[in-house]
Amino acid sequence: MPGHQVGAIDTKVLDLETLPKAHSYVLFNCSKVDEFITEHLMSIRDNNRQMSEHGVQRLHSETFTE
């Protein structure tokens, strides 16, 4: 059933290094954010025309959640 818990609750407290990584993971894997990801990538490409695609992807990964 959507929206209902199945099984036991297991709560974890994330440290300050893991929390931003988990946040990025959720955003990069949520289809509702796809439009914003595309817009951000286009902005990076427009502002860094000489940057390689690898560089664009790296900068995107580093700055999207800021």
C-alpha atoms as a PDB file:
ATOM      1  CA  MET A   1       0.000   0.000   0.000  1.00  0.00           C
ATOM      2  CA  PRO A   2       1.448   3.376  -0.959  1.00  0.00           C
ATOM      3  CA  GLY A   3       2.094   5.687   1.962  1.00  0.00           C
ATOM      4  CA  HIS A   4       1.963   2.948   4.597  1.00  0.00           C
ATOM      5  CA  GLN A   5       4.872   1.488   6.489  1.00  0.00           C
ATOM      6  CA  VAL A   6       5.691  -2.169   6.038  1.00  0.00           C
ATOM      7  CA  GLY A   7       7.956  -3.815   8.587  1.00  0.00           C
ATOM      8  CA  ALA A   8       9.946  -2.445  11.507  1.00  0.00           C
ATOM      9  CA  ILE A   9      11.196   1.124  11.852  1.00  0.00           C
ATOM     10  CA  ASP A  10      14.971   1.468  11.860  1.00  0.00           C
ATOM     11  CA  THR A  11      16.044   5.069  12.465  1.00  0.00           C
ATOM     12  CA  LYS A  12      19.585   6.181  11.607  1.00  0.00           C
ATOM     13  CA  VAL A  13      21.279   9.450  12.470  1.00  0.00           C
ATOM     14  CA  LEU A  14      23.589  10.525   9.657  1.00  0.00           C
ATOM     15  CA  ASP A  15      26.873  12.288  10.328  1.00  0.00           C
ATOM     16  CA  LEU A  16      27.715  15.615   8.675  1.00  0.00           C
ATOM     17  CA  GLU A  17      29.686  13.880   5.902  1.00  0.00           C
ATOM     18  CA  THR A  18      27.022  11.319   5.008  1.00  0.00           C
ATOM     19  CA  LEU A  19      23.969  13.596   5.164  1.00  0.00           C
ATOM     20  CA  PRO A  20      24.826  15.723   2.071  1.00  0.00           C
ATOM     21  CA  LYS A  21      25.667  12.559   0.115  1.00  0.00           C
ATOM     22  CA  ALA A  22      22.304  11.024   1.036  1.00  0.00           C
ATOM     23  CA  HIS A  23      20.534  14.273   0.115  1.00  0.00           C
ATOM     24  CA  SER A  24      22.246  14.324  -3.297  1.00  0.00           C
ATOM     25  CA  TYR A  25      21.381  10.671  -3.880  1.00  0.00           C
ATOM     26  CA  VAL A  26      17.700  11.285  -3.208  1.00  0.00           C
ATOM     27  CA  LEU A  27      17.578  14.371  -5.464  1.00  0.00           C
ATOM     28  CA  PHE A  28      19.446  12.733  -8.346  1.00  0.00           C
ATOM     29  CA  ASN A  29      17.089   9.740  -8.200  1.00  0.00           C
ATOM     30  CA  CYS A  30      13.764  11.569  -7.932  1.00  0.00           C
ATOM     31  CA  SER A  31      11.916  12.078 -11.210  1.00  0.00           C
ATOM     32  CA  LYS A  32      10.208  15.211  -9.874  1.00  0.00           C
ATOM     33  CA  VAL A  33      13.619  16.933  -9.885  1.00  0.00           C
ATOM     34  CA  ASP A  34      14.513  16.008 -13.504  1.00  0.00           C
ATOM     35  CA  GLU A  35      13.456  19.410 -14.886  1.00  0.00           C
ATOM     36  CA  PHE A  36      15.738  21.208 -12.425  1.00  0.00           C
ATOM     37  CA  ILE A  37      18.642  18.876 -13.179  1.00  0.00           C
ATOM     38  CA  THR A  38      18.269  19.576 -16.896  1.00  0.00           C
ATOM     39  CA  GLU A  39      18.105  23.329 -16.276  1.00  0.00           C
ATOM     40  CA  HIS A  40      21.199  23.229 -14.067  1.00  0.00           C
ATOM     41  CA  LEU A  41      23.184  21.217 -16.634  1.00  0.00           C
ATOM     42  CA  MET A  42      22.186  23.653 -19.395  1.00  0.00           C
ATOM     43  CA  SER A  43      23.290  26.587 -17.236  1.00  0.00           C
ATOM     44  CA  ILE A  44      26.687  24.992 -16.582  1.00  0.00           C
ATOM     45  CA  ARG A  45      27.182  24.259 -20.284  1.00  0.00           C
ATOM     46  CA  ASP A  46      26.162  27.814 -21.276  1.00  0.00           C
ATOM     47  CA  ASN A  47      28.538  29.388 -18.749  1.00  0.00           C
ATOM     48  CA  ASN A  48      31.456  27.024 -19.437  1.00  0.00           C
ATOM     49  CA  ARG A  49      31.466  26.470 -23.195  1.00  0.00           C
ATOM     50  CA  GLN A  50      35.032  25.104 -23.273  1.00  0.00           C
ATOM     51  CA  MET A  51      34.453  22.597 -20.458  1.00  0.00           C
ATOM     52  CA  SER A  52      34.431  18.898 -21.310  1.00  0.00           C
ATOM     53  CA  GLU A  53      31.273  16.870 -20.693  1.00  0.00           C
ATOM     54  CA  HIS A  54      33.096  15.103 -17.876  1.00  0.00           C
ATOM     55  CA  GLY A  55      33.843  18.497 -16.314  1.00  0.00           C
ATOM     56  CA  VAL A  56      30.220  19.586 -16.725  1.00  0.00           C
ATOM     57  CA  GLN A  57      28.981  16.436 -14.998  1.00  0.00           C
ATOM     58  CA  ARG A  58      31.525  16.826 -12.183  1.00  0.00           C
ATOM     59  CA  LEU A  59      30.596  20.470 -11.592  1.00  0.00           C
ATOM     60  CA  HIS A  60      26.899  19.563 -11.715  1.00  0.00           C
ATOM     61  CA  SER A  61      27.373  16.849  -9.079  1.00  0.00           C
ATOM     62  CA  GLU A  62      29.328  19.217  -6.855  1.00  0.00           C
ATOM     63  CA  THR A  63      27.004  22.234  -7.113  1.00  0.00           C
ATOM     64  CA  PHE A  64      23.449  21.058  -7.813  1.00  0.00           C
ATOM     65  CA  THR A  65      22.426  20.682  -4.186  1.00  0.00           C
ATOM     66  CA  GLU A  66      23.914  24.010  -3.042  1.00  0.00           C
END
